[in-house]
């Protein structure tokens, strides 16, 4: 059994398929990390950003095939964000889903 954690959420991993978080300004990275809602019933920042980028997004219904074509980019971008890979989980903006992806792809 494998488990992978993302900080702040799984949507970060999906966004890394189409955006390079390391190239964002520090202010934009903070928005990603905080992942705040504009109001109590609103979606968090990264869900909204993902919706803007891919057209529509819901946890149980999104076009995974359009993202899978960019999985290599996501893996490299996630590795770049993983500043302390020996920590149990990302302490800053980051995701360890790349480890799971590499495992599934028989890379490790």
PDB file of N, CA and C in Angstrom:
ATOM      1  N   UNK A   1       0.836  -1.166   0.000  1.00  0.00           N
ATOM      2  CA  UNK A   1       0.000   0.000   0.000  1.00  0.00           C
ATOM      3  C   UNK A   1       0.886   1.236   0.000  1.00  0.00           C
ATOM      4  N   UNK A   2       0.531   2.208  -0.821  1.00  0.00           N
ATOM      5  CA  UNK A   2       1.272   3.463  -0.887  1.00  0.00           C
ATOM      6  C   UNK A   2       0.323   4.611  -0.577  1.00  0.00           C
ATOM      7  N   UNK A   3       0.861   5.622   0.012  1.00  0.00           N
ATOM      8  CA  UNK A   3       0.080   6.806   0.318  1.00  0.00           C
ATOM      9  C   UNK A   3       0.921   8.028  -0.032  1.00  0.00           C
ATOM     10  N   UNK A   4       0.285   9.043  -0.553  1.00  0.00           N
ATOM     11  CA  UNK A   4       0.989  10.270  -0.900  1.00  0.00           C
ATOM     12  C   UNK A   4       0.193  11.462  -0.369  1.00  0.00           C
ATOM     13  N   UNK A   5       0.904  12.403   0.220  1.00  0.00           N
ATOM     14  CA  UNK A   5       0.253  13.594   0.773  1.00  0.00           C
ATOM     15  C   UNK A   5       0.646  14.828  -0.015  1.00  0.00           C
ATOM     16  N   UNK A   6      -0.279  15.762  -0.057  1.00  0.00           N
ATOM     17  CA  UNK A   6      -0.042  17.056  -0.681  1.00  0.00           C
ATOM     18  C   UNK A   6      -0.331  18.147   0.330  1.00  0.00           C
ATOM     19  N   UNK A   7       0.403  19.230   0.227  1.00  0.00           N
ATOM     20  CA  UNK A   7       0.178  20.371   1.103  1.00  0.00           C
ATOM     21  C   UNK A   7       0.018  21.604   0.216  1.00  0.00           C
ATOM     22  N   UNK A   8      -1.172  22.166   0.112  1.00  0.00           N
ATOM     23  CA  UNK A   8      -2.283  22.016   1.028  1.00  0.00           C
ATOM     24  C   UNK A   8      -3.310  20.954   0.628  1.00  0.00           C
ATOM     25  N   UNK A   9      -3.373  20.544  -0.664  1.00  0.00           N
ATOM     26  CA  UNK A   9      -4.416  19.604  -1.074  1.00  0.00           C
ATOM     27  C   UNK A   9      -4.033  18.895  -2.372  1.00  0.00           C
ATOM     28  N   UNK A  10      -4.828  17.900  -2.740  1.00  0.00           N
ATOM     29  CA  UNK A  10      -4.571  17.107  -3.940  1.00  0.00           C
ATOM     30  C   UNK A  10      -4.618  17.944  -5.216  1.00  0.00           C
ATOM     31  N   UNK A  11      -5.438  18.970  -5.225  1.00  0.00           N
ATOM     32  CA  UNK A  11      -5.542  19.809  -6.422  1.00  0.00           C
ATOM     33  C   UNK A  11      -4.192  20.410  -6.820  1.00  0.00           C
ATOM     34  N   UNK A  12      -3.294  20.574  -5.863  1.00  0.00           N
ATOM     35  CA  UNK A  12      -1.946  21.040  -6.187  1.00  0.00           C
ATOM     36  C   UNK A  12      -1.298  20.105  -7.196  1.00  0.00           C
ATOM     37  N   UNK A  13      -1.375  18.799  -6.953  1.00  0.00           N
ATOM     38  CA  UNK A  13      -0.800  17.809  -7.871  1.00  0.00           C
ATOM     39  C   UNK A  13      -1.397  17.975  -9.275  1.00  0.00           C
ATOM     40  N   UNK A  14      -2.696  18.158  -9.360  1.00  0.00           N
ATOM     41  CA  UNK A  14      -3.332  18.319 -10.660  1.00  0.00           C
ATOM     42  C   UNK A  14      -2.872  19.601 -11.348  1.00  0.00           C
ATOM     43  N   UNK A  15      -2.766  20.668 -10.597  1.00  0.00           N
ATOM     44  CA  UNK A  15      -2.302  21.931 -11.179  1.00  0.00           C
ATOM     45  C   UNK A  15      -0.868  21.837 -11.692  1.00  0.00           C
ATOM     46  N   UNK A  16      -0.047  21.039 -11.034  1.00  0.00           N
ATOM     47  CA  UNK A  16       1.347  20.909 -11.474  1.00  0.00           C
ATOM     48  C   UNK A  16       1.458  20.270 -12.864  1.00  0.00           C
ATOM     49  N   UNK A  17       0.411  19.655 -13.334  1.00  0.00           N
ATOM     50  CA  UNK A  17       0.413  19.121 -14.701  1.00  0.00           C
ATOM     51  C   UNK A  17       0.402  20.257 -15.725  1.00  0.00           C
ATOM     52  N   UNK A  18      -0.132  21.406 -15.331  1.00  0.00           N
ATOM     53  CA  UNK A  18      -0.308  22.502 -16.293  1.00  0.00           C
ATOM     54  C   UNK A  18       0.339  23.820 -15.869  1.00  0.00           C
ATOM     55  N   UNK A  19       0.821  23.882 -14.640  1.00  0.00           N
ATOM     56  CA  UNK A  19       1.466  25.096 -14.144  1.00  0.00           C
ATOM     57  C   UNK A  19       2.697  24.754 -13.322  1.00  0.00           C
ATOM     58  N   UNK A  20       3.681  25.620 -13.380  1.00  0.00           N
ATOM     59  CA  UNK A  20       4.903  25.439 -12.601  1.00  0.00           C
ATOM     60  C   UNK A  20       4.841  26.347 -11.371  1.00  0.00           C
ATOM     61  N   UNK A  21       4.518  25.774 -10.238  1.00  0.00           N
ATOM     62  CA  UNK A  21       4.369  26.560  -9.007  1.00  0.00           C
ATOM     63  C   UNK A  21       5.677  27.226  -8.599  1.00  0.00           C
ATOM     64  N   UNK A  22       6.804  26.629  -8.948  1.00  0.00           N
ATOM     65  CA  UNK A  22       8.101  27.213  -8.586  1.00  0.00           C
ATOM     66  C   UNK A  22       8.355  28.526  -9.304  1.00  0.00           C
ATOM     67  N   UNK A  23       7.676  28.755 -10.416  1.00  0.00           N
ATOM     68  CA  UNK A  23       7.882  29.999 -11.158  1.00  0.00           C
ATOM     69  C   UNK A  23       6.916  31.108 -10.730  1.00  0.00           C
ATOM     70  N   UNK A  24       6.022  30.795  -9.806  1.00  0.00           N
ATOM     71  CA  UNK A  24       5.089  31.806  -9.305  1.00  0.00           C
ATOM     72  C   UNK A  24       5.812  32.796  -8.400  1.00  0.00           C
ATOM     73  N   UNK A  25       5.260  33.971  -8.266  1.00  0.00           N
ATOM     74  CA  UNK A  25       5.813  34.941  -7.328  1.00  0.00           C
ATOM     75  C   UNK A  25       5.597  34.415  -5.909  1.00  0.00           C
ATOM     76  N   UNK A  26       6.371  34.896  -4.958  1.00  0.00           N
ATOM     77  CA  UNK A  26       6.146  34.478  -3.562  1.00  0.00           C
ATOM     78  C   UNK A  26       4.716  34.754  -3.094  1.00  0.00           C
ATOM     79  N   UNK A  27       4.130  35.839  -3.567  1.00  0.00           N
ATOM     80  CA  UNK A  27       2.748  36.161  -3.186  1.00  0.00           C
ATOM     81  C   UNK A  27       1.776  35.124  -3.750  1.00  0.00           C
ATOM     82  N   UNK A  28       1.990  34.729  -5.008  1.00  0.00           N
ATOM     83  CA  UNK A  28       1.129  33.711  -5.604  1.00  0.00           C
ATOM     84  C   UNK A  28       1.322  32.359  -4.915  1.00  0.00           C
ATOM     85  N   UNK A  29       2.553  32.028  -4.584  1.00  0.00           N
ATOM     86  CA  UNK A  29       2.799  30.772  -3.871  1.00  0.00           C
ATOM     87  C   UNK A  29       2.091  30.771  -2.525  1.00  0.00           C
ATOM     88  N   UNK A  30       2.051  31.912  -1.872  1.00  0.00           N
ATOM     89  CA  UNK A  30       1.347  32.009  -0.585  1.00  0.00           C
ATOM     90  C   UNK A  30      -0.151  31.792  -0.775  1.00  0.00           C
ATOM     91  N   UNK A  31      -0.721  32.336  -1.847  1.00  0.00           N
ATOM     92  CA  UNK A  31      -2.140  32.095  -2.132  1.00  0.00           C
ATOM     93  C   UNK A  31      -2.407  30.605  -2.339  1.00  0.00           C
ATOM     94  N   UNK A  32      -1.505  29.942  -3.037  1.00  0.00           N
ATOM     95  CA  UNK A  32      -1.645  28.499  -3.257  1.00  0.00           C
ATOM     96  C   UNK A  32      -1.570  27.770  -1.914  1.00  0.00           C
ATOM     97  N   UNK A  33      -0.593  28.125  -1.111  1.00  0.00           N
ATOM     98  CA  UNK A  33      -0.379  27.434   0.167  1.00  0.00           C
ATOM     99  C   UNK A  33      -1.543  27.663   1.130  1.00  0.00           C
ATOM    100  N   UNK A  34      -2.014  28.881   1.210  1.00  0.00           N
ATOM    101  CA  UNK A  34      -3.120  29.188   2.128  1.00  0.00           C
ATOM    102  C   UNK A  34      -4.423  28.551   1.656  1.00  0.00           C
ATOM    103  N   UNK A  35      -4.622  28.515   0.337  1.00  0.00           N
ATOM    104  CA  UNK A  35      -5.776  27.846  -0.267  1.00  0.00           C
ATOM    105  C   UNK A  35      -7.089  28.266   0.391  1.00  0.00           C
ATOM    106  N   UNK A  36      -7.258  29.537   0.564  1.00  0.00           N
ATOM    107  CA  UNK A  36      -8.428  30.067   1.283  1.00  0.00           C
ATOM    108  C   UNK A  36      -9.674  30.126   0.414  1.00  0.00           C
ATOM    109  N   UNK A  37     -10.788  30.166   1.107  1.00  0.00           N
ATOM    110  CA  UNK A  37     -12.088  30.376   0.476  1.00  0.00           C
ATOM    111  C   UNK A  37     -12.423  31.861   0.569  1.00  0.00           C
ATOM    112  N   UNK A  38     -13.081  32.397  -0.452  1.00  0.00           N
ATOM    113  CA  UNK A  38     -13.488  33.807  -0.398  1.00  0.00           C
ATOM    114  C   UNK A  38     -14.670  34.010   0.533  1.00  0.00           C
ATOM    115  N   UNK A  39     -15.458  32.962   0.706  1.00  0.00           N
ATOM    116  CA  UNK A  39     -16.578  32.997   1.647  1.00  0.00           C
ATOM    117  C   UNK A  39     -16.783  31.593   2.196  1.00  0.00           C
ATOM    118  N   UNK A  40     -17.615  31.482   3.178  1.00  0.00           N
ATOM    119  CA  UNK A  40     -17.818  30.209   3.870  1.00  0.00           C
ATOM    120  C   UNK A  40     -18.206  29.069   2.922  1.00  0.00           C
ATOM    121  N   UNK A  41     -19.046  29.336   1.965  1.00  0.00           N
ATOM    122  CA  UNK A  41     -19.538  28.290   1.071  1.00  0.00           C
ATOM    123  C   UNK A  41     -18.800  28.228  -0.267  1.00  0.00           C
ATOM    124  N   UNK A  42     -17.808  29.061  -0.452  1.00  0.00           N
ATOM    125  CA  UNK A  42     -17.065  29.078  -1.711  1.00  0.00           C
ATOM    126  C   UNK A  42     -16.039  27.948  -1.748  1.00  0.00           C
ATOM    127  N   UNK A  43     -15.597  27.630  -2.936  1.00  0.00           N
ATOM    128  CA  UNK A  43     -14.542  26.631  -3.092  1.00  0.00           C
ATOM    129  C   UNK A  43     -13.197  27.238  -2.729  1.00  0.00           C
ATOM    130  N   UNK A  44     -12.259  26.420  -2.280  1.00  0.00           N
ATOM    131  CA  UNK A  44     -10.918  26.908  -1.981  1.00  0.00           C
ATOM    132  C   UNK A  44     -10.215  27.411  -3.250  1.00  0.00           C
ATOM    133  N   UNK A  45      -9.203  28.216  -3.045  1.00  0.00           N
ATOM    134  CA  UNK A  45      -8.466  28.878  -4.119  1.00  0.00           C
ATOM    135  C   UNK A  45      -7.979  27.905  -5.201  1.00  0.00           C
ATOM    136  N   UNK A  46      -7.371  26.782  -4.811  1.00  0.00           N
ATOM    137  CA  UNK A  46      -6.801  25.885  -5.814  1.00  0.00           C
ATOM    138  C   UNK A  46      -7.865  25.173  -6.641  1.00  0.00           C
ATOM    139  N   UNK A  47      -9.010  24.893  -6.064  1.00  0.00           N
ATOM    140  CA  UNK A  47     -10.107  24.324  -6.858  1.00  0.00           C
ATOM    141  C   UNK A  47     -10.577  25.324  -7.894  1.00  0.00           C
ATOM    142  N   UNK A  48     -10.692  26.576  -7.493  1.00  0.00           N
ATOM    143  CA  UNK A  48     -11.110  27.613  -8.437  1.00  0.00           C
ATOM    144  C   UNK A  48     -10.082  27.794  -9.545  1.00  0.00           C
ATOM    145  N   UNK A  49      -8.820  27.797  -9.187  1.00  0.00           N
ATOM    146  CA  UNK A  49      -7.752  27.961 -10.177  1.00  0.00           C
ATOM    147  C   UNK A  49      -7.738  26.787 -11.155  1.00  0.00           C
ATOM    148  N   UNK A  50      -7.913  25.602 -10.642  1.00  0.00           N
ATOM    149  CA  UNK A  50      -7.958  24.418 -11.500  1.00  0.00           C
ATOM    150  C   UNK A  50      -9.138  24.507 -12.459  1.00  0.00           C
ATOM    151  N   UNK A  51     -10.277  24.939 -11.963  1.00  0.00           N
ATOM    152  CA  UNK A  51     -11.450  25.129 -12.821  1.00  0.00           C
ATOM    153  C   UNK A  51     -11.172  26.134 -13.933  1.00  0.00           C
ATOM    154  N   UNK A  52     -10.490  27.224 -13.575  1.00  0.00           N
ATOM    155  CA  UNK A  52     -10.143  28.235 -14.575  1.00  0.00           C
ATOM    156  C   UNK A  52      -9.225  27.653 -15.648  1.00  0.00           C
ATOM    157  N   UNK A  53      -8.305  26.804 -15.250  1.00  0.00           N
ATOM    158  CA  UNK A  53      -7.306  26.267 -16.175  1.00  0.00           C
ATOM    159  C   UNK A  53      -7.840  25.165 -17.076  1.00  0.00           C
ATOM    160  N   UNK A  54      -8.695  24.286 -16.549  1.00  0.00           N
ATOM    161  CA  UNK A  54      -9.139  23.143 -17.355  1.00  0.00           C
ATOM    162  C   UNK A  54     -10.617  23.227 -17.759  1.00  0.00           C
ATOM    163  N   UNK A  55     -11.281  24.304 -17.373  1.00  0.00           N
ATOM    164  CA  UNK A  55     -12.661  24.508 -17.796  1.00  0.00           C
ATOM    165  C   UNK A  55     -13.700  24.068 -16.785  1.00  0.00           C
ATOM    166  N   UNK A  56     -13.526  22.901 -16.221  1.00  0.00           N
ATOM    167  CA  UNK A  56     -14.442  22.430 -15.180  1.00  0.00           C
ATOM    168  C   UNK A  56     -13.667  21.474 -14.286  1.00  0.00           C
ATOM    169  N   UNK A  57     -14.097  21.410 -13.046  1.00  0.00           N
ATOM    170  CA  UNK A  57     -13.432  20.497 -12.117  1.00  0.00           C
ATOM    171  C   UNK A  57     -14.352  20.176 -10.957  1.00  0.00           C
ATOM    172  N   UNK A  58     -14.461  18.907 -10.682  1.00  0.00           N
ATOM    173  CA  UNK A  58     -15.080  18.391  -9.466  1.00  0.00           C
ATOM    174  C   UNK A  58     -14.284  17.149  -9.097  1.00  0.00           C
ATOM    175  N   UNK A  59     -14.091  16.904  -7.819  1.00  0.00           N
ATOM    176  CA  UNK A  59     -13.249  15.790  -7.371  1.00  0.00           C
ATOM    177  C   UNK A  59     -13.594  14.464  -8.036  1.00  0.00           C
ATOM    178  N   UNK A  60     -14.856  14.232  -8.267  1.00  0.00           N
ATOM    179  CA  UNK A  60     -15.275  12.953  -8.834  1.00  0.00           C
ATOM    180  C   UNK A  60     -15.501  13.000 -10.342  1.00  0.00           C
ATOM    181  N   UNK A  61     -15.309  14.180 -10.938  1.00  0.00           N
ATOM    182  CA  UNK A  61     -15.560  14.298 -12.379  1.00  0.00           C
ATOM    183  C   UNK A  61     -14.678  15.381 -12.988  1.00  0.00           C
ATOM    184  N   UNK A  62     -13.571  14.935 -13.563  1.00  0.00           N
ATOM    185  CA  UNK A  62     -12.717  15.861 -14.304  1.00  0.00           C
ATOM    186  C   UNK A  62     -12.001  15.078 -15.397  1.00  0.00           C
ATOM    187  N   UNK A  63     -11.464  15.775 -16.361  1.00  0.00           N
ATOM    188  CA  UNK A  63     -10.836  15.157 -17.518  1.00  0.00           C
ATOM    189  C   UNK A  63      -9.401  14.754 -17.192  1.00  0.00           C
ATOM    190  N   UNK A  64      -9.258  13.600 -16.565  1.00  0.00           N
ATOM    191  CA  UNK A  64      -7.930  13.114 -16.173  1.00  0.00           C
ATOM    192  C   UNK A  64      -7.053  12.832 -17.383  1.00  0.00           C
ATOM    193  N   UNK A  65      -7.640  12.425 -18.488  1.00  0.00           N
ATOM    194  CA  UNK A  65      -6.852  12.128 -19.689  1.00  0.00           C
ATOM    195  C   UNK A  65      -6.122  13.355 -20.217  1.00  0.00           C
ATOM    196  N   UNK A  66      -6.751  14.514 -20.088  1.00  0.00           N
ATOM    197  CA  UNK A  66      -6.074  15.733 -20.562  1.00  0.00           C
ATOM    198  C   UNK A  66      -4.874  16.073 -19.682  1.00  0.00           C
ATOM    199  N   UNK A  67      -4.909  15.657 -18.422  1.00  0.00           N
ATOM    200  CA  UNK A  67      -3.801  15.930 -17.509  1.00  0.00           C
ATOM    201  C   UNK A  67      -2.707  14.871 -17.607  1.00  0.00           C
ATOM    202  N   UNK A  68      -3.086  13.627 -17.831  1.00  0.00           N
ATOM    203  CA  UNK A  68      -2.111  12.533 -17.831  1.00  0.00           C
ATOM    204  C   UNK A  68      -1.044  12.736 -18.901  1.00  0.00           C
ATOM    205  N   UNK A  69      -1.376  13.425 -19.949  1.00  0.00           N
ATOM    206  CA  UNK A  69      -0.396  13.711 -21.004  1.00  0.00           C
ATOM    207  C   UNK A  69       0.760  14.554 -20.478  1.00  0.00           C
ATOM    208  N   UNK A  70       0.549  15.208 -19.348  1.00  0.00           N
ATOM    209  CA  UNK A  70       1.556  16.104 -18.773  1.00  0.00           C
ATOM    210  C   UNK A  70       2.106  15.585 -17.447  1.00  0.00           C
ATOM    211  N   UNK A  71       1.963  14.291 -17.203  1.00  0.00           N
ATOM    212  CA  UNK A  71       2.389  13.732 -15.918  1.00  0.00           C
ATOM    213  C   UNK A  71       3.896  13.891 -15.710  1.00  0.00           C
ATOM    214  N   UNK A  72       4.688  13.814 -16.760  1.00  0.00           N
ATOM    215  CA  UNK A  72       6.143  13.998 -16.620  1.00  0.00           C
ATOM    216  C   UNK A  72       6.462  15.401 -16.107  1.00  0.00           C
ATOM    217  N   UNK A  73       5.744  16.390 -16.626  1.00  0.00           N
ATOM    218  CA  UNK A  73       5.923  17.772 -16.143  1.00  0.00           C
ATOM    219  C   UNK A  73       5.546  17.864 -14.672  1.00  0.00           C
ATOM    220  N   UNK A  74       4.427  17.245 -14.304  1.00  0.00           N
ATOM    221  CA  UNK A  74       3.968  17.287 -12.918  1.00  0.00           C
ATOM    222  C   UNK A  74       4.988  16.644 -11.986  1.00  0.00           C
ATOM    223  N   UNK A  75       5.560  15.525 -12.403  1.00  0.00           N
ATOM    224  CA  UNK A  75       6.559  14.838 -11.578  1.00  0.00           C
ATOM    225  C   UNK A  75       7.767  15.734 -11.357  1.00  0.00           C
ATOM    226  N   UNK A  76       8.279  16.313 -12.423  1.00  0.00           N
ATOM    227  CA  UNK A  76       9.458  17.187 -12.299  1.00  0.00           C
ATOM    228  C   UNK A  76       9.154  18.425 -11.456  1.00  0.00           C
ATOM    229  N   UNK A  77       7.988  19.010 -11.651  1.00  0.00           N
ATOM    230  CA  UNK A  77       7.604  20.197 -10.873  1.00  0.00           C
ATOM    231  C   UNK A  77       7.431  19.855  -9.397  1.00  0.00           C
ATOM    232  N   UNK A  78       6.847  18.698  -9.113  1.00  0.00           N
ATOM    233  CA  UNK A  78       6.672  18.276  -7.719  1.00  0.00           C
ATOM    234  C   UNK A  78       8.018  18.006  -7.067  1.00  0.00           C
ATOM    235  N   UNK A  79       8.944  17.405  -7.803  1.00  0.00           N
ATOM    236  CA  UNK A  79      10.283  17.167  -7.269  1.00  0.00           C
ATOM    237  C   UNK A  79      10.970  18.479  -6.930  1.00  0.00           C
ATOM    238  N   UNK A  80      10.803  19.476  -7.780  1.00  0.00           N
ATOM    239  CA  UNK A  80      11.400  20.793  -7.537  1.00  0.00           C
ATOM    240  C   UNK A  80      10.850  21.419  -6.261  1.00  0.00           C
ATOM    241  N   UNK A  81       9.567  21.248  -6.011  1.00  0.00           N
ATOM    242  CA  UNK A  81       8.950  21.806  -4.806  1.00  0.00           C
ATOM    243  C   UNK A  81       9.340  21.039  -3.542  1.00  0.00           C
ATOM    244  N   UNK A  82       9.741  19.786  -3.682  1.00  0.00           N
ATOM    245  CA  UNK A  82      10.023  18.941  -2.528  1.00  0.00           C
ATOM    246  C   UNK A  82      11.403  19.264  -1.952  1.00  0.00           C
ATOM    247  N   UNK A  83      11.458  20.308  -1.171  1.00  0.00           N
ATOM    248  CA  UNK A  83      12.719  20.816  -0.614  1.00  0.00           C
ATOM    249  C   UNK A  83      13.312  19.901   0.459  1.00  0.00           C
ATOM    250  N   UNK A  84      12.477  19.164   1.170  1.00  0.00           N
ATOM    251  CA  UNK A  84      12.930  18.272   2.244  1.00  0.00           C
ATOM    252  C   UNK A  84      12.322  16.888   2.055  1.00  0.00           C
ATOM    253  N   UNK A  85      12.807  16.127   1.074  1.00  0.00           N
ATOM    254  CA  UNK A  85      12.195  14.833   0.772  1.00  0.00           C
ATOM    255  C   UNK A  85      12.294  13.791   1.887  1.00  0.00           C
ATOM    256  N   UNK A  86      13.117  14.031   2.884  1.00  0.00           N
ATOM    257  CA  UNK A  86      13.205  13.074   3.986  1.00  0.00           C
ATOM    258  C   UNK A  86      12.139  13.321   5.058  1.00  0.00           C
ATOM    259  N   UNK A  87      11.467  14.467   5.025  1.00  0.00           N
ATOM    260  CA  UNK A  87      10.353  14.710   5.944  1.00  0.00           C
ATOM    261  C   UNK A  87       9.220  13.738   5.631  1.00  0.00           C
ATOM    262  N   UNK A  88       8.389  13.471   6.606  1.00  0.00           N
ATOM    263  CA  UNK A  88       7.284  12.525   6.400  1.00  0.00           C
ATOM    264  C   UNK A  88       6.271  13.030   5.380  1.00  0.00           C
ATOM    265  N   UNK A  89       6.076  14.330   5.311  1.00  0.00           N
ATOM    266  CA  UNK A  89       5.161  14.937   4.348  1.00  0.00           C
ATOM    267  C   UNK A  89       5.640  16.345   4.057  1.00  0.00           C
ATOM    268  N   UNK A  90       5.149  16.960   3.002  1.00  0.00           N
ATOM    269  CA  UNK A  90       5.591  18.317   2.658  1.00  0.00           C
ATOM    270  C   UNK A  90       5.212  19.315   3.761  1.00  0.00           C
ATOM    271  N   UNK A  91       6.186  20.046   4.235  1.00  0.00           N
ATOM    272  CA  UNK A  91       5.948  21.057   5.269  1.00  0.00           C
ATOM    273  C   UNK A  91       5.591  22.405   4.650  1.00  0.00           C
ATOM    274  N   UNK A  92       5.953  22.592   3.402  1.00  0.00           N
ATOM    275  CA  UNK A  92       5.628  23.811   2.664  1.00  0.00           C
ATOM    276  C   UNK A  92       4.813  23.397   1.443  1.00  0.00           C
ATOM    277  N   UNK A  93       4.585  24.316   0.533  1.00  0.00           N
ATOM    278  CA  UNK A  93       3.842  24.010  -0.687  1.00  0.00           C
ATOM    279  C   UNK A  93       4.501  22.834  -1.392  1.00  0.00           C
ATOM    280  N   UNK A  94       3.779  21.752  -1.542  1.00  0.00           N
ATOM    281  CA  UNK A  94       4.358  20.589  -2.195  1.00  0.00           C
ATOM    282  C   UNK A  94       3.446  19.386  -2.171  1.00  0.00           C
ATOM    283  N   UNK A  95       3.860  18.372  -2.902  1.00  0.00           N
ATOM    284  CA  UNK A  95       3.109  17.135  -2.979  1.00  0.00           C
ATOM    285  C   UNK A  95       4.058  15.960  -3.159  1.00  0.00           C
ATOM    286  N   UNK A  96       3.715  14.852  -2.571  1.00  0.00           N
ATOM    287  CA  UNK A  96       4.493  13.630  -2.751  1.00  0.00           C
ATOM    288  C   UNK A  96       3.793  12.652  -3.690  1.00  0.00           C
ATOM    289  N   UNK A  97       2.768  13.104  -4.366  1.00  0.00           N
ATOM    290  CA  UNK A  97       2.071  12.241  -5.314  1.00  0.00           C
ATOM    291  C   UNK A  97       3.019  11.793  -6.425  1.00  0.00           C
ATOM    292  N   UNK A  98       4.057  12.588  -6.663  1.00  0.00           N
ATOM    293  CA  UNK A  98       5.028  12.186  -7.694  1.00  0.00           C
ATOM    294  C   UNK A  98       5.675  10.840  -7.354  1.00  0.00           C
ATOM    295  N   UNK A  99       5.859  10.549  -6.079  1.00  0.00           N
ATOM    296  CA  UNK A  99       6.437   9.257  -5.685  1.00  0.00           C
ATOM    297  C   UNK A  99       5.486   8.106  -6.036  1.00  0.00           C
ATOM    298  N   UNK A 100       4.226   8.333  -5.809  1.00  0.00           N
ATOM    299  CA  UNK A 100       3.217   7.333  -6.160  1.00  0.00           C
ATOM    300  C   UNK A 100       3.162   7.159  -7.679  1.00  0.00           C
ATOM    301  N   UNK A 101       3.204   8.265  -8.409  1.00  0.00           N
ATOM    302  CA  UNK A 101       3.181   8.186  -9.878  1.00  0.00           C
ATOM    303  C   UNK A 101       4.380   7.410 -10.393  1.00  0.00           C
ATOM    304  N   UNK A 102       5.550   7.689  -9.844  1.00  0.00           N
ATOM    305  CA  UNK A 102       6.748   6.961 -10.267  1.00  0.00           C
ATOM    306  C   UNK A 102       6.636   5.473  -9.930  1.00  0.00           C
ATOM    307  N   UNK A 103       6.052   5.166  -8.800  1.00  0.00           N
ATOM    308  CA  UNK A 103       5.866   3.769  -8.408  1.00  0.00           C
ATOM    309  C   UNK A 103       4.932   3.047  -9.383  1.00  0.00           C
ATOM    310  N   UNK A 104       3.842   3.690  -9.731  1.00  0.00           N
ATOM    311  CA  UNK A 104       2.883   3.117 -10.670  1.00  0.00           C
ATOM    312  C   UNK A 104       3.529   2.934 -12.048  1.00  0.00           C
ATOM    313  N   UNK A 105       4.429   3.858 -12.386  1.00  0.00           N
ATOM    314  CA  UNK A 105       5.114   3.793 -13.679  1.00  0.00           C
ATOM    315  C   UNK A 105       6.336   2.870 -13.626  1.00  0.00           C
ATOM    316  N   UNK A 106       6.495   2.158 -12.517  1.00  0.00           N
ATOM    317  CA  UNK A 106       7.624   1.226 -12.306  1.00  0.00           C
ATOM    318  C   UNK A 106       8.989   1.896 -12.435  1.00  0.00           C
ATOM    319  N   UNK A 107       9.088   3.092 -11.914  1.00  0.00           N
ATOM    320  CA  UNK A 107      10.370   3.796 -11.920  1.00  0.00           C
ATOM    321  C   UNK A 107      11.158   3.560 -10.649  1.00  0.00           C
ATOM    322  N   UNK A 108      10.483   3.179  -9.588  1.00  0.00           N
ATOM    323  CA  UNK A 108      11.180   2.985  -8.314  1.00  0.00           C
ATOM    324  C   UNK A 108      10.897   1.626  -7.752  1.00  0.00           C
TER     325      UNK A 108
END
